[in-house]
Structure formats: structure tokens, C-alpha cells
Amino acid sequence: MAGRPSEVTRAGLDAKLTQLRDKSWQIVLTDDEGTEVFNRTYTTEKLAKVNARLWVRTNYQVATQEAPRAPKQRKPRSLGPAPSHLVQMMRDRADDNEEKAIGARAQADALEAEAKRLREAADSLEGPDGQTEGP
């Protein structure tokens, strides 16, 4: 295993990773006395390395020194119009709503005036006890 010192190296172990004829990977860890402490076979090279690393962490309590990973670049998701368009859309909607509210207020005022007129007309037709005056 090349590159930065691995947990296996920091634990004082030697690692031997070999690809077998059946395309599986065997990893053997030996201590400084030459005794095999770990010997397993895995389907992929990565799986062999990861499991050996985990075994060393568990059995040798080696402090991890992993390199910081670069943050993943996420694909932008489309949530509708771009923010500049969204602001304009909200302003247009607010203006439209304001115009509708002004129209509704004017209509309500007209209906209230009509209701007042009708109540006055009804009061003039009725007598003092609420009955319609008649002959």
C-alpha cells in the first residue's frame, strides 16, 4: 500500500495485497515478528483495503489521519424561475392583488350604500310597529 502512511504501517504491521486467480483479492497483515494477524479474501481490492483498515482500527486503536475530502459538487436543481424573475413575479402578483383589493373595496362600498338606501326606503314604507302602512 503506497502513499501516505496507512493505519497498517502506523500500527507496525506489514500488508500484502494479492489478486488471486479467481479475480478475488487476498490481504495478509503480519506483525513485526512475522506472525500473520489478519488473512482474508474479498471480492474487490477496495473492499479488502477497507476491511483491513477497519480491523486495524478495532484491534490496534490506531489514530486515524484521513485526508480531508473535497466537498461534492451538487447539481443545481431547478426550483422554478431564477431569483431575479421570482422577485419581479412576486411584485406583479402583489400589484395585481392590490388592484383587486381596491376593486373589491369599491364594490363593497357601493353595496353598503345600496343596502343603506334600501333600509331607508323600507323604513319609510313601514309603520311604527314594523307593519306596512295600508288603507
N, C-alpha and C. Protein backbone atom coordinates (compact mmCIF):
# COMPACT_ATOMS: atom_id res chain seq x y z
N MET A 1 0.85 -1.17 0.00
CA MET A 1 0.00 0.00 0.00
C MET A 1 0.89 1.23 0.00
N ALA A 2 0.79 2.03 -1.05
CA ALA A 2 1.66 3.19 -1.21
C ALA A 2 0.95 4.46 -0.78
N GLY A 3 1.67 5.60 -0.81
CA GLY A 3 1.07 6.89 -0.46
C GLY A 3 1.41 7.28 0.96
N ARG A 4 0.51 8.03 1.59
CA ARG A 4 0.75 8.45 2.97
C ARG A 4 0.77 7.24 3.89
N PRO A 5 1.40 7.37 5.06
CA PRO A 5 1.47 6.21 5.95
C PRO A 5 0.07 5.73 6.32
N SER A 6 -0.18 4.48 6.12
CA SER A 6 -1.51 3.95 6.39
C SER A 6 -1.61 3.55 7.86
N GLU A 7 -2.82 3.24 8.27
CA GLU A 7 -3.02 2.78 9.64
C GLU A 7 -2.27 1.48 9.88
N VAL A 8 -2.19 0.67 8.85
CA VAL A 8 -1.46 -0.60 8.96
C VAL A 8 0.01 -0.32 9.27
N THR A 9 0.60 0.63 8.55
CA THR A 9 2.01 0.98 8.76
C THR A 9 2.19 1.60 10.15
N ARG A 10 1.30 2.50 10.53
CA ARG A 10 1.42 3.14 11.85
C ARG A 10 1.26 2.13 12.98
N ALA A 11 0.52 1.05 12.72
CA ALA A 11 0.35 0.01 13.74
C ALA A 11 1.55 -0.92 13.78
N GLY A 12 2.51 -0.74 12.87
CA GLY A 12 3.70 -1.59 12.85
C GLY A 12 3.47 -2.92 12.14
N LEU A 13 2.51 -2.94 11.24
CA LEU A 13 2.19 -4.17 10.51
C LEU A 13 2.63 -4.03 9.06
N ASP A 14 2.87 -5.18 8.45
CA ASP A 14 3.14 -5.22 7.01
C ASP A 14 1.90 -5.76 6.33
N ALA A 15 1.58 -5.18 5.17
CA ALA A 15 0.40 -5.62 4.43
C ALA A 15 0.84 -6.18 3.09
N LYS A 16 0.20 -7.28 2.72
CA LYS A 16 0.46 -7.87 1.41
C LYS A 16 -0.91 -8.09 0.75
N LEU A 17 -1.12 -7.37 -0.35
CA LEU A 17 -2.38 -7.46 -1.08
C LEU A 17 -2.11 -8.16 -2.41
N THR A 18 -2.84 -9.24 -2.66
CA THR A 18 -2.62 -10.02 -3.86
C THR A 18 -3.94 -10.35 -4.54
N GLN A 19 -3.91 -10.28 -5.89
CA GLN A 19 -5.09 -10.69 -6.64
C GLN A 19 -4.94 -12.17 -6.96
N LEU A 20 -5.97 -12.94 -6.62
CA LEU A 20 -5.94 -14.38 -6.85
C LEU A 20 -6.44 -14.70 -8.25
N ARG A 21 -6.29 -15.95 -8.63
CA ARG A 21 -6.68 -16.38 -9.99
C ARG A 21 -8.16 -16.18 -10.26
N ASP A 22 -8.98 -16.31 -9.23
CA ASP A 22 -10.43 -16.15 -9.41
C ASP A 22 -10.86 -14.68 -9.36
N LYS A 23 -9.90 -13.77 -9.50
CA LYS A 23 -10.11 -12.32 -9.53
C LYS A 23 -10.48 -11.73 -8.16
N SER A 24 -10.45 -12.54 -7.11
CA SER A 24 -10.68 -12.00 -5.77
C SER A 24 -9.35 -11.48 -5.21
N TRP A 25 -9.42 -10.76 -4.10
CA TRP A 25 -8.24 -10.13 -3.52
C TRP A 25 -8.00 -10.67 -2.11
N GLN A 26 -6.76 -11.04 -1.85
CA GLN A 26 -6.37 -11.53 -0.53
C GLN A 26 -5.47 -10.49 0.12
N ILE A 27 -5.78 -10.19 1.36
CA ILE A 27 -4.94 -9.26 2.11
C ILE A 27 -4.45 -9.96 3.36
N VAL A 28 -3.14 -9.87 3.57
CA VAL A 28 -2.50 -10.52 4.72
C VAL A 28 -1.73 -9.44 5.48
N LEU A 29 -2.00 -9.35 6.77
CA LEU A 29 -1.28 -8.43 7.64
C LEU A 29 -0.41 -9.24 8.58
N THR A 30 0.86 -8.86 8.67
CA THR A 30 1.79 -9.55 9.57
C THR A 30 2.41 -8.54 10.52
N ASP A 31 2.67 -8.98 11.75
CA ASP A 31 3.28 -8.07 12.71
C ASP A 31 4.79 -8.08 12.53
N ASP A 32 5.50 -7.33 13.39
CA ASP A 32 6.95 -7.19 13.23
C ASP A 32 7.71 -8.48 13.54
N GLU A 33 7.04 -9.48 14.11
CA GLU A 33 7.67 -10.79 14.36
C GLU A 33 7.41 -11.77 13.23
N GLY A 34 6.63 -11.34 12.22
CA GLY A 34 6.34 -12.20 11.08
C GLY A 34 5.10 -13.07 11.27
N THR A 35 4.34 -12.85 12.32
CA THR A 35 3.13 -13.62 12.58
C THR A 35 1.96 -13.01 11.83
N GLU A 36 1.21 -13.87 11.12
CA GLU A 36 0.01 -13.39 10.43
C GLU A 36 -1.04 -13.05 11.47
N VAL A 37 -1.53 -11.80 11.42
CA VAL A 37 -2.57 -11.40 12.36
C VAL A 37 -3.92 -11.22 11.66
N PHE A 38 -3.88 -11.11 10.35
CA PHE A 38 -5.10 -10.92 9.58
C PHE A 38 -4.88 -11.53 8.21
N ASN A 39 -5.79 -12.41 7.77
CA ASN A 39 -5.68 -13.04 6.46
C ASN A 39 -7.10 -13.28 5.95
N ARG A 40 -7.53 -12.44 5.01
CA ARG A 40 -8.90 -12.56 4.49
C ARG A 40 -8.88 -12.39 2.97
N THR A 41 -9.94 -12.89 2.33
CA THR A 41 -10.12 -12.76 0.89
C THR A 41 -11.43 -12.02 0.63
N TYR A 42 -11.38 -11.05 -0.31
CA TYR A 42 -12.55 -10.22 -0.64
C TYR A 42 -12.73 -10.17 -2.15
N THR A 43 -13.92 -9.77 -2.55
CA THR A 43 -14.23 -9.75 -3.99
C THR A 43 -13.57 -8.59 -4.73
N THR A 44 -13.32 -7.47 -4.03
CA THR A 44 -12.69 -6.33 -4.70
C THR A 44 -11.48 -5.86 -3.90
N GLU A 45 -10.60 -5.14 -4.58
CA GLU A 45 -9.41 -4.59 -3.93
C GLU A 45 -9.81 -3.57 -2.87
N LYS A 46 -10.76 -2.73 -3.21
CA LYS A 46 -11.20 -1.69 -2.28
C LYS A 46 -11.78 -2.29 -1.02
N LEU A 47 -12.59 -3.32 -1.18
CA LEU A 47 -13.20 -4.00 -0.03
C LEU A 47 -12.12 -4.61 0.87
N ALA A 48 -11.10 -5.18 0.28
CA ALA A 48 -10.00 -5.76 1.06
C ALA A 48 -9.29 -4.69 1.87
N LYS A 49 -8.99 -3.55 1.24
CA LYS A 49 -8.30 -2.46 1.93
C LYS A 49 -9.14 -1.87 3.05
N VAL A 50 -10.42 -1.65 2.77
CA VAL A 50 -11.30 -1.05 3.76
C VAL A 50 -11.44 -1.97 4.97
N ASN A 51 -11.66 -3.24 4.74
CA ASN A 51 -11.84 -4.17 5.85
C ASN A 51 -10.56 -4.35 6.66
N ALA A 52 -9.42 -4.34 6.00
CA ALA A 52 -8.15 -4.42 6.73
C ALA A 52 -7.97 -3.18 7.59
N ARG A 53 -8.28 -2.02 7.02
CA ARG A 53 -8.19 -0.76 7.77
C ARG A 53 -9.09 -0.79 9.00
N LEU A 54 -10.34 -1.24 8.82
CA LEU A 54 -11.26 -1.33 9.95
C LEU A 54 -10.77 -2.31 11.01
N TRP A 55 -10.22 -3.41 10.58
CA TRP A 55 -9.71 -4.41 11.52
C TRP A 55 -8.56 -3.81 12.34
N VAL A 56 -7.67 -3.10 11.69
CA VAL A 56 -6.54 -2.47 12.40
C VAL A 56 -7.06 -1.44 13.38
N ARG A 57 -8.02 -0.60 12.96
CA ARG A 57 -8.59 0.40 13.86
C ARG A 57 -9.18 -0.25 15.11
N THR A 58 -9.90 -1.34 14.89
CA THR A 58 -10.55 -2.01 16.01
C THR A 58 -9.55 -2.70 16.94
N ASN A 59 -8.57 -3.37 16.37
CA ASN A 59 -7.67 -4.19 17.19
C ASN A 59 -6.38 -3.50 17.63
N TYR A 60 -6.00 -2.44 16.97
CA TYR A 60 -4.75 -1.76 17.31
C TYR A 60 -4.95 -0.33 17.79
N GLN A 61 -6.18 0.17 17.80
CA GLN A 61 -6.50 1.53 18.24
C GLN A 61 -5.54 2.57 17.65
N VAL A 62 -5.37 2.53 16.35
CA VAL A 62 -4.51 3.49 15.66
C VAL A 62 -5.33 4.74 15.38
N ALA A 63 -4.78 5.90 15.73
CA ALA A 63 -5.48 7.17 15.46
C ALA A 63 -5.57 7.38 13.96
N THR A 64 -6.74 7.79 13.52
CA THR A 64 -6.92 7.99 12.07
C THR A 64 -6.41 9.36 11.67
N GLN A 65 -5.80 9.42 10.52
CA GLN A 65 -5.32 10.66 9.93
C GLN A 65 -5.75 10.68 8.48
N GLU A 66 -7.03 10.84 8.27
CA GLU A 66 -7.52 10.81 6.90
C GLU A 66 -7.41 12.19 6.28
N ALA A 67 -7.11 12.19 5.01
CA ALA A 67 -7.01 13.45 4.27
C ALA A 67 -8.40 14.05 4.15
N PRO A 68 -8.50 15.37 4.25
CA PRO A 68 -9.82 15.98 4.09
C PRO A 68 -10.35 15.77 2.68
N ARG A 69 -11.61 15.47 2.62
CA ARG A 69 -12.22 15.23 1.31
C ARG A 69 -12.77 16.53 0.75
N ALA A 70 -12.67 16.65 -0.55
CA ALA A 70 -13.24 17.83 -1.21
C ALA A 70 -14.76 17.69 -1.19
N PRO A 71 -15.47 18.77 -0.95
CA PRO A 71 -16.93 18.68 -0.94
C PRO A 71 -17.45 18.30 -2.32
N LYS A 72 -18.50 17.50 -2.31
CA LYS A 72 -19.09 17.07 -3.57
C LYS A 72 -19.77 18.25 -4.24
N GLN A 73 -19.62 18.31 -5.55
CA GLN A 73 -20.30 19.34 -6.32
C GLN A 73 -21.70 18.85 -6.61
N ARG A 74 -22.68 19.57 -6.13
CA ARG A 74 -24.06 19.14 -6.35
C ARG A 74 -24.60 19.82 -7.60
N LYS A 75 -25.42 19.09 -8.30
CA LYS A 75 -26.06 19.65 -9.48
C LYS A 75 -27.15 20.60 -9.02
N PRO A 76 -27.21 21.77 -9.64
CA PRO A 76 -28.28 22.70 -9.23
C PRO A 76 -29.63 22.14 -9.64
N ARG A 77 -30.56 22.23 -8.71
CA ARG A 77 -31.91 21.77 -9.01
C ARG A 77 -32.74 22.95 -9.45
N SER A 78 -33.55 22.73 -10.43
CA SER A 78 -34.41 23.81 -10.90
C SER A 78 -35.61 23.91 -9.98
N LEU A 79 -35.74 25.03 -9.33
CA LEU A 79 -36.89 25.26 -8.45
C LEU A 79 -37.84 26.28 -9.05
N GLY A 80 -37.79 26.43 -10.34
CA GLY A 80 -38.65 27.40 -10.98
C GLY A 80 -37.84 28.54 -11.56
N PRO A 81 -38.44 29.69 -11.65
CA PRO A 81 -37.74 30.81 -12.25
C PRO A 81 -36.54 31.26 -11.41
N ALA A 82 -35.60 31.90 -12.06
CA ALA A 82 -34.42 32.41 -11.37
C ALA A 82 -34.85 33.47 -10.37
N PRO A 83 -34.07 33.70 -9.31
CA PRO A 83 -34.46 34.64 -8.28
C PRO A 83 -34.83 36.04 -8.78
N SER A 84 -34.12 36.57 -9.76
CA SER A 84 -34.47 37.90 -10.26
C SER A 84 -35.87 37.90 -10.87
N HIS A 85 -36.23 36.85 -11.56
CA HIS A 85 -37.57 36.74 -12.13
C HIS A 85 -38.60 36.51 -11.03
N LEU A 86 -38.20 35.78 -10.01
CA LEU A 86 -39.12 35.47 -8.91
C LEU A 86 -39.53 36.75 -8.18
N VAL A 87 -38.57 37.63 -7.94
CA VAL A 87 -38.87 38.89 -7.27
C VAL A 87 -39.85 39.70 -8.10
N GLN A 88 -39.60 39.78 -9.40
CA GLN A 88 -40.50 40.54 -10.28
C GLN A 88 -41.88 39.91 -10.30
N MET A 89 -41.92 38.57 -10.33
CA MET A 89 -43.21 37.87 -10.33
C MET A 89 -43.99 38.19 -9.05
N MET A 90 -43.29 38.20 -7.92
CA MET A 90 -43.96 38.49 -6.65
C MET A 90 -44.47 39.93 -6.62
N ARG A 91 -43.69 40.86 -7.16
CA ARG A 91 -44.14 42.25 -7.22
C ARG A 91 -45.38 42.39 -8.10
N ASP A 92 -45.36 41.72 -9.27
CA ASP A 92 -46.51 41.77 -10.17
C ASP A 92 -47.75 41.20 -9.49
N ARG A 93 -47.56 40.08 -8.79
CA ARG A 93 -48.69 39.45 -8.11
C ARG A 93 -49.22 40.37 -7.01
N ALA A 94 -48.32 41.01 -6.28
CA ALA A 94 -48.75 41.93 -5.22
C ALA A 94 -49.50 43.12 -5.81
N ASP A 95 -48.99 43.66 -6.92
CA ASP A 95 -49.68 44.77 -7.58
C ASP A 95 -51.06 44.34 -8.04
N ASP A 96 -51.13 43.15 -8.64
CA ASP A 96 -52.40 42.61 -9.12
C ASP A 96 -53.37 42.43 -7.95
N ASN A 97 -52.86 41.87 -6.85
CA ASN A 97 -53.70 41.66 -5.68
C ASN A 97 -54.18 43.00 -5.10
N GLU A 98 -53.30 44.00 -5.11
CA GLU A 98 -53.69 45.32 -4.61
C GLU A 98 -54.79 45.92 -5.46
N GLU A 99 -54.66 45.78 -6.80
CA GLU A 99 -55.70 46.29 -7.68
C GLU A 99 -57.02 45.57 -7.44
N LYS A 100 -56.96 44.26 -7.24
CA LYS A 100 -58.18 43.50 -6.96
C LYS A 100 -58.78 43.93 -5.63
N ALA A 101 -57.93 44.19 -4.64
CA ALA A 101 -58.42 44.62 -3.33
C ALA A 101 -59.10 45.98 -3.42
N ILE A 102 -58.53 46.91 -4.19
CA ILE A 102 -59.13 48.24 -4.37
C ILE A 102 -60.49 48.10 -5.04
N GLY A 103 -60.56 47.24 -6.07
CA GLY A 103 -61.82 47.00 -6.76
C GLY A 103 -62.86 46.38 -5.83
N ALA A 104 -62.43 45.44 -4.99
CA ALA A 104 -63.35 44.79 -4.06
C ALA A 104 -63.85 45.79 -3.02
N ARG A 105 -62.94 46.68 -2.56
CA ARG A 105 -63.35 47.71 -1.59
C ARG A 105 -64.39 48.65 -2.21
N ALA A 106 -64.17 49.05 -3.45
CA ALA A 106 -65.11 49.95 -4.13
C ALA A 106 -66.47 49.26 -4.29
N GLN A 107 -66.44 47.98 -4.65
CA GLN A 107 -67.69 47.23 -4.81
C GLN A 107 -68.40 47.09 -3.47
N ALA A 108 -67.63 46.84 -2.40
CA ALA A 108 -68.23 46.71 -1.07
C ALA A 108 -68.85 48.03 -0.63
N ASP A 109 -68.16 49.14 -0.91
CA ASP A 109 -68.71 50.45 -0.57
C ASP A 109 -70.02 50.70 -1.32
N ALA A 110 -70.05 50.33 -2.60
CA ALA A 110 -71.26 50.52 -3.40
C ALA A 110 -72.40 49.66 -2.85
N LEU A 111 -72.10 48.42 -2.49
CA LEU A 111 -73.13 47.53 -1.94
C LEU A 111 -73.61 48.04 -0.59
N GLU A 112 -72.70 48.55 0.22
CA GLU A 112 -73.10 49.09 1.52
C GLU A 112 -74.00 50.31 1.35
N ALA A 113 -73.67 51.18 0.40
CA ALA A 113 -74.51 52.36 0.13
C ALA A 113 -75.90 51.93 -0.36
N GLU A 114 -75.94 50.91 -1.22
CA GLU A 114 -77.22 50.39 -1.73
C GLU A 114 -78.03 49.79 -0.59
N ALA A 115 -77.38 49.06 0.30
CA ALA A 115 -78.08 48.46 1.44
C ALA A 115 -78.65 49.55 2.35
N LYS A 116 -77.90 50.61 2.57
CA LYS A 116 -78.36 51.72 3.41
C LYS A 116 -79.59 52.39 2.77
N ARG A 117 -79.53 52.58 1.45
CA ARG A 117 -80.64 53.19 0.73
C ARG A 117 -81.89 52.32 0.83
N LEU A 118 -81.69 51.00 0.66
CA LEU A 118 -82.83 50.08 0.74
C LEU A 118 -83.42 50.05 2.15
N ARG A 119 -82.59 50.13 3.20
CA ARG A 119 -83.10 50.14 4.58
C ARG A 119 -83.93 51.41 4.83
N GLU A 120 -83.42 52.54 4.31
CA GLU A 120 -84.16 53.80 4.47
C GLU A 120 -85.49 53.74 3.74
N ALA A 121 -85.48 53.15 2.55
CA ALA A 121 -86.73 53.03 1.78
C ALA A 121 -87.70 52.10 2.51
N ALA A 122 -87.19 51.04 3.08
CA ALA A 122 -88.04 50.10 3.80
C ALA A 122 -88.59 50.75 5.06
N ASP A 123 -87.78 51.54 5.75
CA ASP A 123 -88.24 52.22 6.96
C ASP A 123 -89.34 53.22 6.65
N SER A 124 -89.24 53.89 5.50
CA SER A 124 -90.27 54.88 5.14
C SER A 124 -91.59 54.20 4.77
N LEU A 125 -91.54 52.98 4.31
CA LEU A 125 -92.77 52.26 3.94
C LEU A 125 -93.43 51.60 5.14
N GLU A 126 -92.70 51.34 6.18
CA GLU A 126 -93.24 50.63 7.34
C GLU A 126 -93.78 51.61 8.36
N GLY A 127 -94.72 51.14 9.15
CA GLY A 127 -95.28 51.95 10.22
C GLY A 127 -94.45 51.83 11.48
N PRO A 128 -94.95 52.43 12.58
CA PRO A 128 -94.21 52.42 13.83
C PRO A 128 -94.04 51.04 14.43
N ASP A 129 -94.95 50.09 14.17
CA ASP A 129 -94.82 48.74 14.72
C ASP A 129 -94.15 47.76 13.75
N GLY A 130 -93.60 48.26 12.68
CA GLY A 130 -92.92 47.40 11.72
C GLY A 130 -93.83 46.85 10.65
N GLN A 131 -95.09 47.18 10.73
CA GLN A 131 -96.06 46.73 9.73
C GLN A 131 -96.15 47.72 8.60
N THR A 132 -96.45 47.24 7.43
CA THR A 132 -96.60 48.10 6.28
C THR A 132 -97.88 48.91 6.45
N GLU A 133 -97.76 50.22 6.19
CA GLU A 133 -98.94 51.07 6.29
C GLU A 133 -99.86 50.79 5.11
N GLY A 134 -101.08 50.70 5.38
CA GLY A 134 -102.00 50.42 4.28
C GLY A 134 -103.33 51.09 4.49
N PRO A 135 -104.28 51.04 3.51
CA PRO A 135 -105.61 51.66 3.63
C PRO A 135 -106.52 50.93 4.53
